[in-house]
Amino acid sequence: MIWHPPRVYQGQAVWLHLRGVREDATVEGAIGGRPLRLFPYAGGQAAVVGFDLETKPGPQAWRIAVLEPGRDPRTLTGSLRLHRREFPVQRLTVAPGMVDLDPETERRAVAESERLQTLFRMTTAERLWRGRFVLPMAGKEPGTGFGARRVINGKPRSPHGGTDYPAPVGTPVVVANAGRVAAVGEHFFPGRLVIVDHGLGLYTLYFHLDQVAVAAGDRVDRGQPLGTVGATGRVTGPNLHFGVQVGPARVDPASLLSLDVRD
């Protein structure tokens, strides 16, 4: 069994490749108490595994059960060490109304967050993506802010679960890989958003959009336009917030983009 990369940090997407297992085998597994979503790949089985940015560092026990036609069942076990990652601190200033919410707005923001968390707990049974994931926006500016411990208007807030790419309003945004549009909406903090379901619990998130060119339920391909950069929601300027969820785990988009998947 191969883990890539072999050294794993908080907030990282990791590629698991189980070799020597028939593609028609029944394979089930879990790591750190969370299920592994395996699929046939390159003469074996594989999975994208995500570790949330706030997962406690230390050993992550894993277990995989394999049932192949004509062979006795077998169980593989082991442990993967999750290493600590140092995240930056960001101090931001935004309009007071985007931080000190009135009761009605706070209820709205909480309800919107809960709906998204419910969505991320849903798992499409098939893999919809193929090959490498691509950056959803052209440009040379590096993304920033993943995992940042944010202090907004002097008050500590939740860590930042995505990467921000500053760009002018109207800059095209494309889909990072094939999938199905799971949600299109207008939320208080994320602003105008699109969420794409890539199957097996993997989602990509596109926040603060100006225009949206897709609808919920659409099947989309890698590189297909989905909208344009905007400044909607809580922002300090026009940017694309690009996020990745592997189930409930918020992971660094850069780690997903770096996975060398060849099918």
Protein backbone atom coordinates (compact mmCIF):
# COMPACT_ATOMS: atom_id res chain seq x y z
CA MET A 1 0.00 0.00 0.00
CA ILE A 2 1.30 3.46 -0.96
CA TRP A 3 0.51 6.82 0.62
CA HIS A 4 1.32 9.92 -1.39
CA PRO A 5 2.85 12.02 -0.10
CA PRO A 6 4.37 9.73 2.54
CA ARG A 7 4.61 12.54 5.13
CA VAL A 8 1.16 13.93 5.94
CA TYR A 9 0.18 17.19 7.63
CA GLN A 10 -3.00 18.72 9.05
CA GLY A 11 -5.33 20.00 6.36
CA GLN A 12 -3.94 17.79 3.61
CA ALA A 13 -5.47 15.66 0.86
CA VAL A 14 -3.62 12.36 0.48
CA TRP A 15 -3.66 9.69 -2.20
CA LEU A 16 -3.97 6.08 -1.03
CA HIS A 17 -3.15 3.36 -3.56
CA LEU A 18 -3.75 -0.25 -2.55
CA ARG A 19 -1.86 -2.47 -4.98
CA GLY A 20 -2.16 -6.20 -5.52
CA VAL A 21 -5.94 -6.15 -5.13
CA ARG A 22 -8.24 -7.05 -7.99
CA GLU A 23 -10.32 -4.18 -9.33
CA ASP A 24 -13.46 -6.31 -8.88
CA ALA A 25 -12.67 -6.90 -5.19
CA THR A 26 -14.93 -5.64 -2.44
CA VAL A 27 -12.81 -3.33 -0.31
CA GLU A 28 -13.92 -1.42 2.79
CA GLY A 29 -11.84 0.56 5.19
CA ALA A 30 -11.50 3.41 7.64
CA ILE A 31 -8.83 5.74 8.99
CA GLY A 32 -9.09 7.67 12.22
CA GLY A 33 -12.66 6.45 12.57
CA ARG A 34 -13.73 7.87 9.19
CA PRO A 35 -14.64 5.64 6.21
CA LEU A 36 -12.35 5.31 3.22
CA ARG A 37 -14.08 5.68 -0.17
CA LEU A 38 -12.10 3.30 -2.36
CA PHE A 39 -12.52 2.75 -6.10
CA PRO A 40 -10.84 0.60 -8.79
CA TYR A 41 -7.61 2.20 -10.01
CA ALA A 42 -4.47 1.04 -11.88
CA GLY A 43 -4.62 -2.64 -11.06
CA GLY A 44 -5.78 -2.09 -7.51
CA GLN A 45 -7.92 0.23 -5.42
CA ALA A 46 -7.41 3.87 -4.46
CA ALA A 47 -8.94 6.66 -2.40
CA VAL A 48 -8.57 10.38 -1.74
CA VAL A 49 -8.21 10.81 2.01
CA GLY A 50 -8.64 14.19 3.72
CA PHE A 51 -7.40 15.33 7.12
CA ASP A 52 -9.16 18.40 8.48
CA LEU A 53 -7.01 21.42 9.27
CA GLU A 54 -7.93 21.07 12.97
CA THR A 55 -7.39 17.30 13.27
CA LYS A 56 -5.12 16.60 16.23
CA PRO A 57 -1.60 15.59 15.14
CA GLY A 58 -0.51 12.06 15.97
CA PRO A 59 -1.09 8.49 14.79
CA GLN A 60 -4.11 7.79 12.62
CA ALA A 61 -5.00 4.10 12.78
CA TRP A 62 -6.30 2.57 9.55
CA ARG A 63 -7.97 -0.73 8.71
CA ILE A 64 -8.89 -2.21 5.32
CA ALA A 65 -10.91 -5.38 4.69
CA VAL A 66 -10.50 -7.08 1.30
CA LEU A 67 -12.82 -9.70 -0.17
CA GLU A 68 -11.75 -11.09 -3.55
CA PRO A 69 -13.63 -13.79 -5.49
CA GLY A 70 -12.11 -17.21 -4.86
CA ARG A 71 -9.88 -16.05 -1.98
CA ASP A 72 -10.21 -15.95 1.79
CA PRO A 73 -11.07 -12.54 3.25
CA ARG A 74 -8.10 -10.58 4.58
CA THR A 75 -7.66 -7.55 6.76
CA LEU A 76 -4.86 -5.01 6.59
CA THR A 77 -4.07 -2.68 9.47
CA GLY A 78 -1.57 0.03 10.22
CA SER A 79 -1.05 3.59 11.36
CA LEU A 80 -0.26 6.85 9.57
CA ARG A 81 1.33 9.71 11.51
CA LEU A 82 -0.32 13.08 11.03
CA HIS A 83 2.18 15.91 11.50
CA ARG A 84 1.51 19.38 12.86
CA ARG A 85 1.33 22.25 10.39
CA GLU A 86 2.02 25.84 11.36
CA PHE A 87 -0.71 28.13 10.05
CA PRO A 88 -0.40 31.91 9.70
CA VAL A 89 -2.38 34.54 11.60
CA GLN A 90 -4.32 37.02 9.44
CA ARG A 91 -5.58 40.33 10.81
CA LEU A 92 -8.39 41.75 8.68
CA THR A 93 -10.67 44.75 8.81
CA VAL A 94 -14.15 44.55 7.29
CA ALA A 95 -17.41 46.47 7.66
CA PRO A 96 -18.72 46.10 11.25
CA GLY A 97 -22.01 44.72 9.94
CA MET A 98 -20.16 41.70 8.54
CA VAL A 99 -18.79 40.79 11.99
CA ASP A 100 -21.18 42.02 14.67
CA LEU A 101 -24.35 40.44 13.32
CA ASP A 102 -27.87 41.30 14.33
CA PRO A 103 -29.92 38.31 15.59
CA GLU A 104 -31.76 37.75 12.30
CA THR A 105 -28.56 37.81 10.23
CA GLU A 106 -26.81 35.53 12.70
CA ARG A 107 -29.64 33.00 12.42
CA ARG A 108 -29.36 33.18 8.65
CA ALA A 109 -25.58 32.62 8.69
CA VAL A 110 -25.86 29.68 11.10
CA ALA A 111 -28.61 28.04 9.02
CA GLU A 112 -26.58 28.46 5.83
CA SER A 113 -23.52 26.90 7.46
CA GLU A 114 -25.57 23.97 8.74
CA ARG A 115 -27.00 23.34 5.26
CA LEU A 116 -23.50 23.18 3.82
CA GLN A 117 -22.33 20.78 6.54
CA THR A 118 -25.33 18.55 5.80
CA LEU A 119 -24.38 18.58 2.11
CA PHE A 120 -20.79 17.55 2.86
CA ARG A 121 -22.02 14.56 4.85
CA MET A 122 -23.75 13.23 1.72
CA THR A 123 -21.73 10.82 -0.40
CA THR A 124 -22.39 10.11 -4.07
CA ALA A 125 -21.64 6.41 -4.56
CA GLU A 126 -19.65 6.78 -7.80
CA ARG A 127 -16.49 8.64 -8.73
CA LEU A 128 -17.36 11.44 -11.15
CA TRP A 129 -13.86 12.91 -11.67
CA ARG A 130 -10.93 11.69 -13.74
CA GLY A 131 -7.28 12.72 -13.92
CA ARG A 132 -5.62 15.63 -12.17
CA PHE A 133 -7.48 18.56 -10.65
CA VAL A 134 -6.73 21.97 -12.14
CA LEU A 135 -6.59 25.46 -10.68
CA PRO A 136 -9.99 27.05 -11.31
CA MET A 137 -8.63 30.42 -12.34
CA ALA A 138 -5.84 31.61 -14.63
CA GLY A 139 -3.19 33.94 -13.24
CA LYS A 140 0.20 34.10 -11.60
CA GLU A 141 -0.84 35.35 -8.17
CA PRO A 142 -0.43 32.55 -5.59
CA GLY A 143 -3.37 31.71 -3.41
CA THR A 144 -3.17 32.60 0.28
CA GLY A 145 -4.91 32.09 3.57
CA PHE A 146 -5.62 28.38 3.90
CA GLY A 147 -5.89 27.47 7.56
CA ALA A 148 -5.14 31.04 8.68
CA ARG A 149 -6.19 31.85 12.21
CA ARG A 150 -8.16 34.98 11.44
CA VAL A 151 -8.55 38.02 13.65
CA ILE A 152 -11.30 40.17 12.14
CA ASN A 153 -11.80 43.68 13.48
CA GLY A 154 -9.72 42.64 16.48
CA LYS A 155 -11.76 39.51 17.32
CA PRO A 156 -10.52 35.89 16.83
CA ARG A 157 -12.61 33.91 14.36
CA SER A 158 -12.72 30.38 12.96
CA PRO A 159 -9.75 29.30 10.83
CA HIS A 160 -10.02 29.95 7.12
CA GLY A 161 -11.09 26.77 5.34
CA GLY A 162 -10.08 27.67 1.76
CA THR A 163 -7.54 29.51 -0.36
CA ASP A 164 -8.12 33.03 -1.68
CA TYR A 165 -7.03 34.08 -5.16
CA PRO A 166 -7.26 37.87 -5.68
CA ALA A 167 -8.39 38.87 -9.17
CA PRO A 168 -10.45 41.58 -10.89
CA VAL A 169 -14.21 41.27 -10.93
CA GLY A 170 -15.25 39.33 -14.03
CA THR A 171 -12.20 37.04 -14.19
CA PRO A 172 -13.38 33.63 -15.49
CA VAL A 173 -13.64 30.73 -13.02
CA VAL A 174 -13.66 27.12 -14.25
CA VAL A 175 -14.47 23.74 -12.73
CA ALA A 176 -11.45 21.96 -11.20
CA ASN A 177 -12.57 18.52 -12.39
CA ALA A 178 -15.61 16.66 -13.67
CA GLY A 179 -18.61 16.35 -11.40
CA ARG A 180 -22.15 17.50 -10.71
CA VAL A 181 -23.20 20.91 -9.44
CA ALA A 182 -24.47 20.21 -5.93
CA ALA A 183 -25.44 23.76 -4.98
CA VAL A 184 -25.74 27.29 -6.31
CA GLY A 185 -26.64 29.96 -3.81
CA GLU A 186 -26.28 33.37 -2.23
CA HIS A 187 -25.02 33.11 1.35
CA PHE A 188 -24.13 35.80 3.86
CA PHE A 189 -20.44 35.02 4.36
CA PRO A 190 -19.50 33.11 1.14
CA GLY A 191 -21.61 35.40 -1.06
CA ARG A 192 -22.59 33.96 -4.43
CA LEU A 193 -21.34 30.38 -4.53
CA VAL A 194 -21.12 27.16 -6.51
CA ILE A 195 -20.33 23.76 -5.01
CA VAL A 196 -19.38 20.81 -7.21
CA ASP A 197 -19.77 17.19 -6.11
CA HIS A 198 -17.02 14.99 -7.58
CA GLY A 199 -18.34 11.80 -6.02
CA LEU A 200 -17.24 9.61 -3.11
CA GLY A 201 -17.47 12.52 -0.66
CA LEU A 202 -15.16 14.93 -2.53
CA TYR A 203 -16.42 18.50 -3.12
CA THR A 204 -14.89 21.71 -4.48
CA LEU A 205 -16.20 25.13 -3.40
CA TYR A 206 -16.18 28.44 -5.28
CA PHE A 207 -17.15 31.51 -3.20
CA HIS A 208 -17.58 35.29 -3.67
CA LEU A 209 -18.61 34.93 -7.32
CA ASP A 210 -20.02 37.79 -9.37
CA GLN A 211 -21.78 35.78 -12.10
CA VAL A 212 -22.75 32.09 -12.17
CA ALA A 213 -22.99 30.12 -15.43
CA VAL A 214 -24.23 26.75 -14.09
CA ALA A 215 -27.28 25.45 -12.27
CA ALA A 216 -27.76 22.89 -9.51
CA GLY A 217 -27.84 19.39 -10.97
CA ASP A 218 -25.72 20.22 -14.05
CA ARG A 219 -23.02 17.73 -15.04
CA VAL A 220 -19.79 19.64 -15.61
CA ASP A 221 -16.37 18.85 -17.06
CA ARG A 222 -12.88 19.87 -15.96
CA GLY A 223 -12.11 23.35 -17.25
CA GLN A 224 -15.74 24.22 -17.97
CA PRO A 225 -16.66 27.85 -17.11
CA LEU A 226 -18.84 28.07 -14.01
CA GLY A 227 -18.85 31.82 -13.38
CA THR A 228 -16.67 34.85 -12.70
CA VAL A 229 -14.75 36.34 -9.78
CA GLY A 230 -16.68 38.80 -7.65
CA ALA A 231 -16.69 40.52 -4.28
CA THR A 232 -19.90 39.13 -2.80
CA GLY A 233 -20.22 38.07 0.84
CA ARG A 234 -17.61 38.96 3.46
CA VAL A 235 -14.52 40.05 1.55
CA THR A 236 -11.86 42.74 1.68
CA GLY A 237 -11.72 42.88 -2.13
CA PRO A 238 -12.51 40.86 -5.28
CA ASN A 239 -11.22 37.29 -5.04
CA LEU A 240 -12.07 33.65 -5.57
CA HIS A 241 -12.26 31.58 -2.41
CA PHE A 242 -11.47 28.03 -3.58
CA GLY A 243 -12.20 25.31 -1.05
CA VAL A 244 -12.00 21.51 -0.92
CA GLN A 245 -13.99 19.18 1.31
CA VAL A 246 -13.31 15.47 1.70
CA GLY A 247 -16.39 14.57 3.67
CA PRO A 248 -16.34 16.87 6.71
CA ALA A 249 -12.60 17.54 6.36
CA ARG A 250 -11.49 20.99 5.16
CA VAL A 251 -8.32 20.40 3.17
CA ASP A 252 -5.77 22.58 1.40
CA PRO A 253 -6.69 22.92 -2.29
CA ALA A 254 -2.97 22.93 -3.17
CA SER A 255 -2.66 19.39 -1.82
CA LEU A 256 -5.51 18.19 -4.05
CA LEU A 257 -4.03 19.93 -7.11
CA SER A 258 -0.67 18.25 -6.48
CA LEU A 259 -2.00 14.68 -6.49
CA ASP A 260 -0.56 12.86 -9.50
CA VAL A 261 -3.60 10.95 -10.73
CA ARG A 262 -3.25 9.63 -14.26
CA ASP A 263 -6.57 8.07 -15.29
